[in-house]
Amino acid sequence: MTTVINKLSHLMPKLRFDELQNTARQICYRYFEVDGDFSQLYEDVDDALATTPDEHKEQEKMLLHFLVYRNIQRYGKGEELTDISPEEDQ
């Protein structure tokens, strides 16, 4: 999952990627507060991207879902939520 996230991160500025990581973390915490309600998770993702221009919305939505699922997986195992640093192209 981290590989896919890294590839998608190159489609946007680093600042926007960092904003999405912070948003994903908040959505993850909320997911556990509402006892794993996936419908709330999808609403939260849609709400977070409500002001995103249409030309970026689909790629940001896909990336945000990957980030949220990664956080849910880690948090559910009791692991610390960490940011992903996009790898430089080699």
PDB file of N, CA and C in Angstrom:
ATOM      1  N   MET A   1       0.826  -1.182   0.000  1.00  0.00           N
ATOM      2  CA  MET A   1       0.000   0.000   0.000  1.00  0.00           C
ATOM      3  C   MET A   1       0.878   1.257   0.000  1.00  0.00           C
ATOM      4  N   THR A   2       1.985   1.203   0.717  1.00  0.00           N
ATOM      5  CA  THR A   2       2.874   2.359   0.772  1.00  0.00           C
ATOM      6  C   THR A   2       3.444   2.681  -0.600  1.00  0.00           C
ATOM      7  N   THR A   3       3.713   1.674  -1.400  1.00  0.00           N
ATOM      8  CA  THR A   3       4.229   1.899  -2.753  1.00  0.00           C
ATOM      9  C   THR A   3       3.224   2.661  -3.599  1.00  0.00           C
ATOM     10  N   VAL A   4       1.972   2.273  -3.529  1.00  0.00           N
ATOM     11  CA  VAL A   4       0.923   2.965  -4.288  1.00  0.00           C
ATOM     12  C   VAL A   4       0.798   4.404  -3.807  1.00  0.00           C
ATOM     13  N   ILE A   5       0.831   4.597  -2.499  1.00  0.00           N
ATOM     14  CA  ILE A   5       0.736   5.945  -1.937  1.00  0.00           C
ATOM     15  C   ILE A   5       1.902   6.800  -2.426  1.00  0.00           C
ATOM     16  N   ASN A   6       3.103   6.235  -2.437  1.00  0.00           N
ATOM     17  CA  ASN A   6       4.263   6.980  -2.926  1.00  0.00           C
ATOM     18  C   ASN A   6       4.096   7.391  -4.381  1.00  0.00           C
ATOM     19  N   LYS A   7       3.603   6.494  -5.197  1.00  0.00           N
ATOM     20  CA  LYS A   7       3.400   6.820  -6.617  1.00  0.00           C
ATOM     21  C   LYS A   7       2.361   7.923  -6.781  1.00  0.00           C
ATOM     22  N   LEU A   8       1.269   7.841  -6.035  1.00  0.00           N
ATOM     23  CA  LEU A   8       0.222   8.860  -6.124  1.00  0.00           C
ATOM     24  C   LEU A   8       0.685  10.202  -5.563  1.00  0.00           C
ATOM     25  N   SER A   9       1.593  10.171  -4.614  1.00  0.00           N
ATOM     26  CA  SER A   9       2.054  11.419  -3.993  1.00  0.00           C
ATOM     27  C   SER A   9       2.764  12.327  -4.985  1.00  0.00           C
ATOM     28  N   HIS A  10       3.316  11.755  -6.029  1.00  0.00           N
ATOM     29  CA  HIS A  10       4.037  12.554  -7.023  1.00  0.00           C
ATOM     30  C   HIS A  10       3.098  13.313  -7.953  1.00  0.00           C
ATOM     31  N   LEU A  11       1.810  13.105  -7.817  1.00  0.00           N
ATOM     32  CA  LEU A  11       0.841  13.785  -8.671  1.00  0.00           C
ATOM     33  C   LEU A  11       0.397  15.127  -8.101  1.00  0.00           C
ATOM     34  N   MET A  12       0.954  15.506  -6.952  1.00  0.00           N
ATOM     35  CA  MET A  12       0.505  16.749  -6.309  1.00  0.00           C
ATOM     36  C   MET A  12       1.661  17.382  -5.551  1.00  0.00           C
ATOM     37  N   PRO A  13       1.513  18.654  -5.190  1.00  0.00           N
ATOM     38  CA  PRO A  13       2.551  19.310  -4.388  1.00  0.00           C
ATOM     39  C   PRO A  13       2.684  18.660  -3.007  1.00  0.00           C
ATOM     40  N   LYS A  14       3.880  18.713  -2.445  1.00  0.00           N
ATOM     41  CA  LYS A  14       4.146  18.107  -1.133  1.00  0.00           C
ATOM     42  C   LYS A  14       3.214  18.670  -0.059  1.00  0.00           C
ATOM     43  N   LEU A  15       2.954  19.967  -0.096  1.00  0.00           N
ATOM     44  CA  LEU A  15       2.072  20.579   0.899  1.00  0.00           C
ATOM     45  C   LEU A  15       0.684  19.939   0.867  1.00  0.00           C
ATOM     46  N   ARG A  16       0.151  19.710  -0.328  1.00  0.00           N
ATOM     47  CA  ARG A  16      -1.177  19.089  -0.445  1.00  0.00           C
ATOM     48  C   ARG A  16      -1.137  17.646   0.044  1.00  0.00           C
ATOM     49  N   PHE A  17      -0.076  16.930  -0.280  1.00  0.00           N
ATOM     50  CA  PHE A  17       0.081  15.554   0.189  1.00  0.00           C
ATOM     51  C   PHE A  17       0.092  15.521   1.721  1.00  0.00           C
ATOM     52  N   ASP A  18       0.819  16.443   2.332  1.00  0.00           N
ATOM     53  CA  ASP A  18       0.866  16.513   3.798  1.00  0.00           C
ATOM     54  C   ASP A  18      -0.511  16.828   4.384  1.00  0.00           C
ATOM     55  N   GLU A  19      -1.251  17.719   3.731  1.00  0.00           N
ATOM     56  CA  GLU A  19      -2.611  18.035   4.184  1.00  0.00           C
ATOM     57  C   GLU A  19      -3.494  16.791   4.141  1.00  0.00           C
ATOM     58  N   LEU A  20      -3.361  16.011   3.074  1.00  0.00           N
ATOM     59  CA  LEU A  20      -4.163  14.791   2.955  1.00  0.00           C
ATOM     60  C   LEU A  20      -3.772  13.767   4.015  1.00  0.00           C
ATOM     61  N   GLN A  21      -2.491  13.691   4.348  1.00  0.00           N
ATOM     62  CA  GLN A  21      -2.070  12.775   5.414  1.00  0.00           C
ATOM     63  C   GLN A  21      -2.696  13.176   6.752  1.00  0.00           C
ATOM     64  N   ASN A  22      -2.709  14.465   7.034  1.00  0.00           N
ATOM     65  CA  ASN A  22      -3.334  14.937   8.277  1.00  0.00           C
ATOM     66  C   ASN A  22      -4.828  14.651   8.283  1.00  0.00           C
ATOM     67  N   THR A  23      -5.475  14.868   7.154  1.00  0.00           N
ATOM     68  CA  THR A  23      -6.905  14.577   7.029  1.00  0.00           C
ATOM     69  C   THR A  23      -7.164  13.091   7.234  1.00  0.00           C
ATOM     70  N   ALA A  24      -6.334  12.251   6.640  1.00  0.00           N
ATOM     71  CA  ALA A  24      -6.488  10.797   6.776  1.00  0.00           C
ATOM     72  C   ALA A  24      -6.357  10.367   8.232  1.00  0.00           C
ATOM     73  N   ARG A  25      -5.449  10.987   8.944  1.00  0.00           N
ATOM     74  CA  ARG A  25      -5.264  10.654  10.361  1.00  0.00           C
ATOM     75  C   ARG A  25      -6.532  10.991  11.152  1.00  0.00           C
ATOM     76  N   GLN A  26      -7.100  12.158  10.894  1.00  0.00           N
ATOM     77  CA  GLN A  26      -8.324  12.563  11.598  1.00  0.00           C
ATOM     78  C   GLN A  26      -9.497  11.644  11.254  1.00  0.00           C
ATOM     79  N   ILE A  27      -9.607  11.260   9.991  1.00  0.00           N
ATOM     80  CA  ILE A  27     -10.677  10.345   9.578  1.00  0.00           C
ATOM     81  C   ILE A  27     -10.502   8.995  10.266  1.00  0.00           C
ATOM     82  N   CYS A  28      -9.274   8.541  10.376  1.00  0.00           N
ATOM     83  CA  CYS A  28      -8.994   7.269  11.049  1.00  0.00           C
ATOM     84  C   CYS A  28      -9.433   7.319  12.512  1.00  0.00           C
ATOM     85  N   TYR A  29      -9.067   8.373  13.218  1.00  0.00           N
ATOM     86  CA  TYR A  29      -9.469   8.492  14.623  1.00  0.00           C
ATOM     87  C   TYR A  29     -10.991   8.502  14.746  1.00  0.00           C
ATOM     88  N   ARG A  30     -11.634   9.234  13.860  1.00  0.00           N
ATOM     89  CA  ARG A  30     -13.104   9.305  13.894  1.00  0.00           C
ATOM     90  C   ARG A  30     -13.711   7.928  13.618  1.00  0.00           C
ATOM     91  N   TYR A  31     -13.119   7.188  12.691  1.00  0.00           N
ATOM     92  CA  TYR A  31     -13.591   5.843  12.357  1.00  0.00           C
ATOM     93  C   TYR A  31     -13.645   4.970  13.612  1.00  0.00           C
ATOM     94  N   PHE A  32     -12.611   5.036  14.434  1.00  0.00           N
ATOM     95  CA  PHE A  32     -12.589   4.223  15.647  1.00  0.00           C
ATOM     96  C   PHE A  32     -13.517   4.781  16.722  1.00  0.00           C
ATOM     97  N   GLU A  33     -13.757   6.094  16.705  1.00  0.00           N
ATOM     98  CA  GLU A  33     -14.696   6.694  17.660  1.00  0.00           C
ATOM     99  C   GLU A  33     -16.133   6.243  17.404  1.00  0.00           C
ATOM    100  N   VAL A  34     -16.462   5.981  16.140  1.00  0.00           N
ATOM    101  CA  VAL A  34     -17.830   5.571  15.789  1.00  0.00           C
ATOM    102  C   VAL A  34     -17.903   4.057  15.555  1.00  0.00           C
ATOM    103  N   ASP A  35     -16.992   3.326  16.195  1.00  0.00           N
ATOM    104  CA  ASP A  35     -16.998   1.855  16.171  1.00  0.00           C
ATOM    105  C   ASP A  35     -16.926   1.259  14.772  1.00  0.00           C
ATOM    106  N   GLY A  36     -16.050   1.788  13.944  1.00  0.00           N
ATOM    107  CA  GLY A  36     -15.799   1.186  12.644  1.00  0.00           C
ATOM    108  C   GLY A  36     -16.922   1.327  11.643  1.00  0.00           C
ATOM    109  N   ASP A  37     -17.538   2.473  11.594  1.00  0.00           N
ATOM    110  CA  ASP A  37     -18.644   2.727  10.668  1.00  0.00           C
ATOM    111  C   ASP A  37     -18.091   3.166   9.310  1.00  0.00           C
ATOM    112  N   PHE A  38     -18.098   2.235   8.342  1.00  0.00           N
ATOM    113  CA  PHE A  38     -17.547   2.543   7.024  1.00  0.00           C
ATOM    114  C   PHE A  38     -18.350   3.602   6.290  1.00  0.00           C
ATOM    115  N   SER A  39     -19.650   3.664   6.514  1.00  0.00           N
ATOM    116  CA  SER A  39     -20.435   4.694   5.829  1.00  0.00           C
ATOM    117  C   SER A  39     -20.001   6.080   6.304  1.00  0.00           C
ATOM    118  N   GLN A  40     -19.670   6.211   7.572  1.00  0.00           N
ATOM    119  CA  GLN A  40     -19.168   7.491   8.086  1.00  0.00           C
ATOM    120  C   GLN A  40     -17.799   7.800   7.487  1.00  0.00           C
ATOM    121  N   LEU A  41     -16.983   6.776   7.333  1.00  0.00           N
ATOM    122  CA  LEU A  41     -15.665   6.955   6.732  1.00  0.00           C
ATOM    123  C   LEU A  41     -15.801   7.534   5.326  1.00  0.00           C
ATOM    124  N   TYR A  42     -16.685   6.965   4.518  1.00  0.00           N
ATOM    125  CA  TYR A  42     -16.874   7.456   3.151  1.00  0.00           C
ATOM    126  C   TYR A  42     -17.411   8.882   3.143  1.00  0.00           C
ATOM    127  N   GLU A  43     -18.311   9.191   4.059  1.00  0.00           N
ATOM    128  CA  GLU A  43     -18.827  10.564   4.168  1.00  0.00           C
ATOM    129  C   GLU A  43     -17.710  11.531   4.541  1.00  0.00           C
ATOM    130  N   ASP A  44     -16.856  11.121   5.469  1.00  0.00           N
ATOM    131  CA  ASP A  44     -15.758  11.983   5.899  1.00  0.00           C
ATOM    132  C   ASP A  44     -14.784  12.255   4.752  1.00  0.00           C
ATOM    133  N   VAL A  45     -14.502  11.244   3.948  1.00  0.00           N
ATOM    134  CA  VAL A  45     -13.621  11.437   2.789  1.00  0.00           C
ATOM    135  C   VAL A  45     -14.265  12.410   1.806  1.00  0.00           C
ATOM    136  N   ASP A  46     -15.533  12.201   1.506  1.00  0.00           N
ATOM    137  CA  ASP A  46     -16.230  13.104   0.579  1.00  0.00           C
ATOM    138  C   ASP A  46     -16.268  14.530   1.113  1.00  0.00           C
ATOM    139  N   ASP A  47     -16.542  14.681   2.404  1.00  0.00           N
ATOM    140  CA  ASP A  47     -16.575  16.014   3.012  1.00  0.00           C
ATOM    141  C   ASP A  47     -15.205  16.686   2.949  1.00  0.00           C
ATOM    142  N   ALA A  48     -14.160  15.917   3.184  1.00  0.00           N
ATOM    143  CA  ALA A  48     -12.806  16.471   3.175  1.00  0.00           C
ATOM    144  C   ALA A  48     -12.411  16.993   1.799  1.00  0.00           C
ATOM    145  N   LEU A  49     -12.990  16.410   0.761  1.00  0.00           N
ATOM    146  CA  LEU A  49     -12.635  16.804  -0.605  1.00  0.00           C
ATOM    147  C   LEU A  49     -13.696  17.675  -1.266  1.00  0.00           C
ATOM    148  N   ALA A  50     -14.629  18.170  -0.492  1.00  0.00           N
ATOM    149  CA  ALA A  50     -15.751  18.939  -1.049  1.00  0.00           C
ATOM    150  C   ALA A  50     -15.296  20.172  -1.820  1.00  0.00           C
ATOM    151  N   THR A  51     -14.225  20.803  -1.397  1.00  0.00           N
ATOM    152  CA  THR A  51     -13.769  22.022  -2.073  1.00  0.00           C
ATOM    153  C   THR A  51     -12.638  21.769  -3.066  1.00  0.00           C
ATOM    154  N   THR A  52     -12.275  20.514  -3.255  1.00  0.00           N
ATOM    155  CA  THR A  52     -11.216  20.175  -4.203  1.00  0.00           C
ATOM    156  C   THR A  52     -11.724  20.365  -5.626  1.00  0.00           C
ATOM    157  N   PRO A  53     -10.939  21.026  -6.477  1.00  0.00           N
ATOM    158  CA  PRO A  53     -11.356  21.185  -7.874  1.00  0.00           C
ATOM    159  C   PRO A  53     -11.577  19.821  -8.542  1.00  0.00           C
ATOM    160  N   ASP A  54     -12.548  19.773  -9.431  1.00  0.00           N
ATOM    161  CA  ASP A  54     -12.908  18.511 -10.081  1.00  0.00           C
ATOM    162  C   ASP A  54     -11.731  17.825 -10.760  1.00  0.00           C
ATOM    163  N   GLU A  55     -10.821  18.597 -11.342  1.00  0.00           N
ATOM    164  CA  GLU A  55      -9.713  17.974 -12.073  1.00  0.00           C
ATOM    165  C   GLU A  55      -8.741  17.232 -11.152  1.00  0.00           C
ATOM    166  N   HIS A  56      -8.810  17.488  -9.841  1.00  0.00           N
ATOM    167  CA  HIS A  56      -7.934  16.798  -8.891  1.00  0.00           C
ATOM    168  C   HIS A  56      -8.689  15.848  -7.967  1.00  0.00           C
ATOM    169  N   LYS A  57      -9.985  15.932  -7.970  1.00  0.00           N
ATOM    170  CA  LYS A  57     -10.790  15.226  -6.971  1.00  0.00           C
ATOM    171  C   LYS A  57     -10.600  13.707  -7.010  1.00  0.00           C
ATOM    172  N   GLU A  58     -10.617  13.105  -8.185  1.00  0.00           N
ATOM    173  CA  GLU A  58     -10.534  11.640  -8.257  1.00  0.00           C
ATOM    174  C   GLU A  58      -9.200  11.114  -7.750  1.00  0.00           C
ATOM    175  N   GLN A  59      -8.097  11.744  -8.165  1.00  0.00           N
ATOM    176  CA  GLN A  59      -6.795  11.252  -7.698  1.00  0.00           C
ATOM    177  C   GLN A  59      -6.618  11.501  -6.201  1.00  0.00           C
ATOM    178  N   GLU A  60      -7.117  12.631  -5.703  1.00  0.00           N
ATOM    179  CA  GLU A  60      -7.012  12.894  -4.270  1.00  0.00           C
ATOM    180  C   GLU A  60      -7.917  11.965  -3.465  1.00  0.00           C
ATOM    181  N   LYS A  61      -9.063  11.643  -4.013  1.00  0.00           N
ATOM    182  CA  LYS A  61      -9.973  10.722  -3.323  1.00  0.00           C
ATOM    183  C   LYS A  61      -9.340   9.335  -3.210  1.00  0.00           C
ATOM    184  N   MET A  62      -8.731   8.882  -4.294  1.00  0.00           N
ATOM    185  CA  MET A  62      -8.075   7.578  -4.280  1.00  0.00           C
ATOM    186  C   MET A  62      -6.932   7.577  -3.261  1.00  0.00           C
ATOM    187  N   LEU A  63      -6.115   8.609  -3.297  1.00  0.00           N
ATOM    188  CA  LEU A  63      -4.996   8.698  -2.363  1.00  0.00           C
ATOM    189  C   LEU A  63      -5.486   8.778  -0.920  1.00  0.00           C
ATOM    190  N   LEU A  64      -6.500   9.576  -0.679  1.00  0.00           N
ATOM    191  CA  LEU A  64      -7.019   9.723   0.682  1.00  0.00           C
ATOM    192  C   LEU A  64      -7.554   8.395   1.210  1.00  0.00           C
ATOM    193  N   HIS A  65      -8.227   7.632   0.372  1.00  0.00           N
ATOM    194  CA  HIS A  65      -8.708   6.310   0.798  1.00  0.00           C
ATOM    195  C   HIS A  65      -7.534   5.407   1.165  1.00  0.00           C
ATOM    196  N   PHE A  66      -6.490   5.383   0.336  1.00  0.00           N
ATOM    197  CA  PHE A  66      -5.315   4.565   0.656  1.00  0.00           C
ATOM    198  C   PHE A  66      -4.693   5.003   1.980  1.00  0.00           C
ATOM    199  N   LEU A  67      -4.569   6.310   2.184  1.00  0.00           N
ATOM    200  CA  LEU A  67      -3.990   6.815   3.430  1.00  0.00           C
ATOM    201  C   LEU A  67      -4.850   6.437   4.636  1.00  0.00           C
ATOM    202  N   VAL A  68      -6.156   6.572   4.501  1.00  0.00           N
ATOM    203  CA  VAL A  68      -7.063   6.222   5.600  1.00  0.00           C
ATOM    204  C   VAL A  68      -6.963   4.730   5.916  1.00  0.00           C
ATOM    205  N   TYR A  69      -6.998   3.886   4.891  1.00  0.00           N
ATOM    206  CA  TYR A  69      -6.938   2.438   5.126  1.00  0.00           C
ATOM    207  C   TYR A  69      -5.609   2.040   5.762  1.00  0.00           C
ATOM    208  N   ARG A  70      -4.524   2.669   5.337  1.00  0.00           N
ATOM    209  CA  ARG A  70      -3.221   2.388   5.942  1.00  0.00           C
ATOM    210  C   ARG A  70      -3.253   2.757   7.426  1.00  0.00           C
ATOM    211  N   ASN A  71      -3.814   3.921   7.733  1.00  0.00           N
ATOM    212  CA  ASN A  71      -3.891   4.348   9.131  1.00  0.00           C
ATOM    213  C   ASN A  71      -4.789   3.431   9.956  1.00  0.00           C
ATOM    214  N   ILE A  72      -5.909   3.025   9.400  1.00  0.00           N
ATOM    215  CA  ILE A  72      -6.811   2.115  10.117  1.00  0.00           C
ATOM    216  C   ILE A  72      -6.101   0.805  10.420  1.00  0.00           C
ATOM    217  N   GLN A  73      -5.368   0.295   9.442  1.00  0.00           N
ATOM    218  CA  GLN A  73      -4.640  -0.953   9.636  1.00  0.00           C
ATOM    219  C   GLN A  73      -3.607  -0.806  10.757  1.00  0.00           C
ATOM    220  N   ARG A  74      -2.838   0.261  10.726  1.00  0.00           N
ATOM    221  CA  ARG A  74      -1.798   0.472  11.742  1.00  0.00           C
ATOM    222  C   ARG A  74      -2.409   0.738  13.118  1.00  0.00           C
ATOM    223  N   TYR A  75      -3.377   1.631  13.181  1.00  0.00           N
ATOM    224  CA  TYR A  75      -3.995   2.009  14.457  1.00  0.00           C
ATOM    225  C   TYR A  75      -4.726   0.822  15.074  1.00  0.00           C
ATOM    226  N   GLY A  76      -5.363   0.021  14.228  1.00  0.00           N
ATOM    227  CA  GLY A  76      -6.077  -1.165  14.701  1.00  0.00           C
ATOM    228  C   GLY A  76      -5.155  -2.201  15.318  1.00  0.00           C
ATOM    229  N   LYS A  77      -3.894  -2.205  14.899  1.00  0.00           N
ATOM    230  CA  LYS A  77      -2.898  -3.120  15.455  1.00  0.00           C
ATOM    231  C   LYS A  77      -2.174  -2.507  16.652  1.00  0.00           C
ATOM    232  N   GLY A  78      -2.569  -1.281  17.004  1.00  0.00           N
ATOM    233  CA  GLY A  78      -1.924  -0.606  18.121  1.00  0.00           C
ATOM    234  C   GLY A  78      -0.620   0.075  17.754  1.00  0.00           C
ATOM    235  N   GLU A  79      -0.361   0.226  16.459  1.00  0.00           N
ATOM    236  CA  GLU A  79       0.870   0.868  16.012  1.00  0.00           C
ATOM    237  C   GLU A  79       0.684   2.379  15.938  1.00  0.00           C
ATOM    238  N   GLU A  80       1.790   3.076  15.984  1.00  0.00           N
ATOM    239  CA  GLU A  80       1.777   4.533  15.870  1.00  0.00           C
ATOM    240  C   GLU A  80       1.448   4.933  14.431  1.00  0.00           C
ATOM    241  N   LEU A  81       0.678   6.001  14.283  1.00  0.00           N
ATOM    242  CA  LEU A  81       0.387   6.524  12.951  1.00  0.00           C
ATOM    243  C   LEU A  81       1.539   7.421  12.524  1.00  0.00           C
ATOM    244  N   THR A  82       2.156   7.069  11.422  1.00  0.00           N
ATOM    245  CA  THR A  82       3.307   7.821  10.931  1.00  0.00           C
ATOM    246  C   THR A  82       3.012   8.369   9.548  1.00  0.00           C
ATOM    247  N   ASP A  83       3.670   9.472   9.229  1.00  0.00           N
ATOM    248  CA  ASP A  83       3.549  10.031   7.889  1.00  0.00           C
ATOM    249  C   ASP A  83       4.410   9.239   6.925  1.00  0.00           C
ATOM    250  N   ILE A  84       4.037   9.300   5.677  1.00  0.00           N
ATOM    251  CA  ILE A  84       4.836   8.714   4.612  1.00  0.00           C
ATOM    252  C   ILE A  84       5.576   9.857   3.949  1.00  0.00           C
ATOM    253  N   SER A  85       6.873   9.707   3.798  1.00  0.00           N
ATOM    254  CA  SER A  85       7.659  10.703   3.073  1.00  0.00           C
ATOM    255  C   SER A  85       7.807  10.218   1.645  1.00  0.00           C
ATOM    256  N   PRO A  86       7.258  10.965   0.702  1.00  0.00           N
ATOM    257  CA  PRO A  86       7.365  10.530  -0.696  1.00  0.00           C
ATOM    258  C   PRO A  86       8.825  10.328  -1.085  1.00  0.00           C
ATOM    259  N   GLU A  87       9.090   9.196  -1.700  1.00  0.00           N
ATOM    260  CA  GLU A  87      10.451   8.891  -2.135  1.00  0.00           C
ATOM    261  C   GLU A  87      10.774   9.710  -3.369  1.00  0.00           C
ATOM    262  N   GLU A  88      12.017  10.090  -3.458  1.00  0.00           N
ATOM    263  CA  GLU A  88      12.471  10.809  -4.641  1.00  0.00           C
ATOM    264  C   GLU A  88      12.566   9.826  -5.799  1.00  0.00           C
ATOM    265  N   ASP A  89      12.274  10.324  -6.996  1.00  0.00           N
ATOM    266  CA  ASP A  89      12.442   9.479  -8.177  1.00  0.00           C
ATOM    267  C   ASP A  89      13.916   9.134  -8.319  1.00  0.00           C
ATOM    268  N   GLN A  90      14.158   7.889  -8.694  1.00  0.00           N
ATOM    269  CA  GLN A  90      15.548   7.444  -8.784  1.00  0.00           C
ATOM    270  C   GLN A  90      16.002   7.344 -10.205  1.00  0.00           C
TER     271      GLN A  90
END
